[in-house]
Protein backbone atom coordinates (compact mmCIF):
# COMPACT_ATOMS: atom_id res chain seq x y z
CA MET A 1 -33.86 288.55 94.56
CA ARG A 2 -30.52 288.43 92.78
CA PRO A 3 -30.40 289.08 89.02
CA VAL A 4 -29.94 285.95 86.95
CA ALA A 5 -26.93 286.04 84.62
CA PRO A 6 -27.39 284.93 81.02
CA PRO A 7 -26.75 281.19 80.68
CA PRO A 8 -23.37 280.41 79.08
CA GLU A 9 -25.17 278.24 76.49
CA LEU A 10 -27.14 281.28 75.28
CA VAL A 11 -24.02 283.44 75.10
CA ALA A 12 -22.23 280.73 73.10
CA LEU A 13 -25.24 280.29 70.82
CA LEU A 14 -25.31 283.98 69.88
CA GLN A 15 -21.57 283.97 69.23
CA ALA A 16 -21.50 280.78 67.15
CA ARG A 17 -24.68 280.82 65.06
CA ALA A 18 -25.18 282.94 61.96
CA SER A 19 -28.95 283.17 61.40
CA PHE A 20 -31.70 284.03 63.84
CA VAL A 21 -35.41 284.67 63.96
CA LEU A 22 -36.50 286.79 66.92
CA ALA A 23 -40.18 286.26 67.67
CA VAL A 24 -42.48 288.13 70.05
CA HIS A 25 -46.05 287.70 71.24
CA LYS A 26 -49.31 288.76 69.61
CA GLY A 27 -49.96 292.49 69.90
CA PRO A 28 -46.34 293.39 70.67
CA ASP A 29 -45.95 295.86 73.54
CA GLY A 30 -42.98 298.15 74.14
CA ASP A 31 -40.98 295.50 75.96
CA ALA A 32 -41.43 292.84 73.28
CA ALA A 33 -40.75 295.27 70.42
CA GLY A 34 -37.85 297.01 72.17
CA ALA A 35 -36.16 293.77 73.25
CA ALA A 36 -36.45 292.20 69.79
CA LEU A 37 -35.39 295.27 67.82
CA GLY A 38 -32.52 296.05 70.21
CA LEU A 39 -31.17 292.51 70.01
CA ALA A 40 -31.69 292.41 66.23
CA GLU A 41 -29.58 295.55 65.81
CA ALA A 42 -26.81 294.14 68.02
CA LEU A 43 -26.80 290.81 66.14
CA ARG A 44 -26.64 292.55 62.76
CA ARG A 45 -23.70 294.64 63.92
CA GLN A 46 -21.94 291.30 64.51
CA GLY A 47 -22.65 290.19 60.93
CA LYS A 48 -25.56 287.89 61.78
CA ALA A 49 -28.67 287.40 59.63
CA VAL A 50 -31.78 288.33 61.63
CA GLN A 51 -35.53 288.29 61.09
CA VAL A 52 -37.98 289.88 63.56
CA VAL A 53 -41.48 288.43 63.60
CA ALA A 54 -44.76 288.66 65.46
CA PRO A 55 -48.07 286.95 64.71
CA THR A 56 -49.73 290.37 64.46
CA PRO A 57 -48.45 293.72 63.14
CA LEU A 58 -46.46 296.07 65.34
CA PRO A 59 -48.86 298.66 66.79
CA GLU A 60 -48.65 302.10 65.17
CA HIS A 61 -47.40 303.79 68.37
CA TYR A 62 -44.17 301.69 68.29
CA ARG A 63 -43.40 302.15 64.59
CA TRP A 64 -41.03 305.03 65.35
CA LEU A 65 -38.55 302.60 66.92
CA PRO A 66 -35.29 302.09 65.00
CA GLY A 67 -35.75 299.04 62.78
CA ALA A 68 -39.53 298.83 63.28
CA GLU A 69 -40.05 298.35 59.54
CA GLN A 70 -38.42 294.91 59.78
CA PHE A 71 -41.32 293.38 61.75
CA ALA A 72 -42.96 290.65 59.65
CA GLN A 73 -45.67 288.06 60.20
CA VAL A 74 -43.92 285.31 58.24
CA VAL A 75 -40.59 283.53 58.81
CA GLN A 76 -38.44 283.23 55.69
CA GLY A 77 -36.54 279.94 55.42
CA THR A 78 -35.30 278.07 58.49
CA PRO A 79 -32.92 280.14 60.63
CA GLU A 80 -30.45 278.28 62.85
CA VAL A 81 -31.99 279.73 66.01
CA ALA A 82 -35.54 280.73 66.88
CA LEU A 83 -35.42 282.99 69.93
CA LEU A 84 -38.74 283.90 71.53
CA LEU A 85 -38.64 287.11 73.53
CA ASP A 86 -41.22 288.16 76.13
CA CYS A 87 -43.16 284.92 75.58
CA ASP A 88 -44.02 282.74 78.56
CA GLY A 89 -45.59 280.09 76.31
CA LEU A 90 -45.39 278.92 72.73
CA ASP A 91 -49.08 279.71 72.28
CA ARG A 92 -48.22 283.42 72.55
CA VAL A 93 -46.75 283.34 69.01
CA GLY A 94 -49.99 282.06 67.49
CA ALA A 95 -49.72 280.74 63.93
CA LEU A 96 -45.91 281.17 63.96
CA GLN A 97 -45.53 278.38 66.54
CA GLU A 98 -45.17 275.48 64.11
CA THR A 99 -42.63 277.30 61.91
CA LEU A 100 -40.54 278.43 64.88
CA GLN A 101 -40.40 274.91 66.31
CA ARG A 102 -38.71 273.71 63.10
CA ALA A 103 -35.57 275.72 63.88
CA PRO A 104 -32.64 273.55 64.97
CA VAL A 105 -32.50 275.48 68.26
CA LEU A 106 -35.50 276.96 70.07
CA ALA A 107 -34.58 279.42 72.82
CA VAL A 108 -36.54 281.74 75.09
CA MET A 109 -35.78 284.96 76.97
CA ASP A 110 -38.47 286.29 79.28
CA HIS A 111 -39.08 288.06 82.56
CA HIS A 112 -42.33 286.12 83.12
CA ALA A 113 -42.06 282.70 84.73
CA THR A 114 -45.75 281.82 84.57
CA GLY A 115 -46.03 279.52 81.56
CA GLU A 116 -45.04 275.91 81.00
CA PRO A 117 -41.25 275.80 80.42
CA PHE A 118 -40.24 275.31 76.78
CA GLY A 119 -37.16 275.73 74.61
CA ARG A 120 -33.77 274.05 74.64
CA VAL A 121 -32.05 277.20 75.91
CA ARG A 122 -33.87 279.32 78.49
CA TYR A 123 -33.06 282.67 80.05
CA VAL A 124 -35.94 283.47 82.38
CA ASP A 125 -35.66 285.87 85.31
CA SER A 126 -38.90 286.93 86.97
CA SER A 127 -37.01 289.49 89.09
CA ALA A 128 -36.19 291.51 85.96
CA ALA A 129 -38.40 294.48 85.14
CA SER A 130 -38.50 293.61 81.44
CA THR A 131 -37.18 291.32 78.75
CA ALA A 132 -35.28 294.35 77.42
CA GLN A 133 -33.31 294.33 80.67
CA LEU A 134 -32.35 290.69 80.01
CA VAL A 135 -31.21 291.63 76.50
CA HIS A 136 -28.98 294.32 78.01
CA ARG A 137 -27.46 291.80 80.42
CA LEU A 138 -26.88 289.43 77.51
CA LEU A 139 -25.12 292.12 75.47
CA GLN A 140 -22.91 292.88 78.47
CA ALA A 141 -22.04 289.19 78.83
CA LEU A 142 -21.18 289.07 75.11
CA ARG A 143 -19.16 292.30 75.45
CA TRP A 144 -20.88 293.66 72.38
CA PRO A 145 -21.19 297.44 72.08
CA VAL A 146 -24.61 299.00 72.51
CA SER A 147 -25.39 301.39 69.67
CA VAL A 148 -27.69 304.39 70.04
CA ASP A 149 -30.41 302.47 68.15
CA THR A 150 -30.08 299.44 70.42
CA ALA A 151 -30.13 301.67 73.51
CA THR A 152 -33.26 303.46 72.25
CA CYS A 153 -35.05 300.15 71.73
CA LEU A 154 -33.99 298.71 75.09
CA TYR A 155 -34.91 301.91 76.94
CA THR A 156 -38.37 301.74 75.38
CA GLY A 157 -38.69 298.16 76.60
CA VAL A 158 -37.72 299.04 80.14
CA ALA A 159 -39.78 302.25 80.28
CA THR A 160 -42.99 300.67 79.01
């Protein structure tokens, strides 16, 4: 299977919008945490405002990741874009679902294609090994540099 390139609409969205909430599923694993933290770092380096949320705390064994302290269980305000990573269904974000759906744009990036499609902008590629791999492709499409912290997070996502 051929890798799926990031949709131009997603690339444009990340370039044009200023505030984001990156949400991952309950009990974040290495892929969810790594993808979200890696993308958060890259967005911040572009001057964007970013929140990283999960319905449950980040497990202790991933708290060494760069930026791990930013994980929260509550969304502050209404960011322009809610981007769900490693979530094949809205139910995976638990109590955050209603808040995330209030964002002007709801987007999804995932390597699972099992759930009911949702989101205005979708980047789903079931041939990818991880959502972190999709984040890397997205950063390449944006031509944004990958910092050591971003690389560490994305590697964790791919490796786990």
